[in-house]
Every structure is written in structure tokens, then in C-alpha cells.
């Protein structure tokens, strides 16, 4: 059960409320696995908040900004294609 105090608490004193999303909700928006979202948070690529129970939550405004491609201090890594991968097209020796 999610603690309603987390998602309804005023953020920053301005009274601006920002919904908090679960890793699963963020994963659905980015079309990735929830574990990938957790790895992004661990790597500092997306900001997260820890609940008192230790679960991660993500600010909806930050997630939406990343989806829109707005420049921010965090970015979602681009997926590597076979053509852009290091050593792509090189013969395997060995």
C-alpha cells in the first residue's frame, strides 16, 4: 500500500503537488522493464525518492520531462544499435 502522504505532500514549500510514480508505472511510459528504471535510478540517470519502506518513487514531472526530451541534469541512455556498438563490423579473432 502506498503512503498517501508521499504523493499528496506539498513539494518544496510552494504548495506544488507532484504525483509519485512506481518503477512499474515509469517502465510502462518508457516501454522498458521496471528493473531497467531501477538501474537508471541507481546510476543517477533519473531522480528517485525512497519511501519509508525502502521502495523507489519517481516524480511525475521529472519523468514527463524526460519523455518530452526536455534538457535536464538527468538523461535516459540511448539504446545501442548493432551499427553504433563499439567494435561493430569487426571480425572476431580467437
Foldseek 3Di string as FASTA:
>chain_A
DDDVCVQCPQPPPPSDGFGWAALVVLCVLVVHDSVLVVVCCVVVQFPWDADPVGGTIHTPVRSVCQVVVPDDPHHDDDDDDLVRDPCRPPDDDD
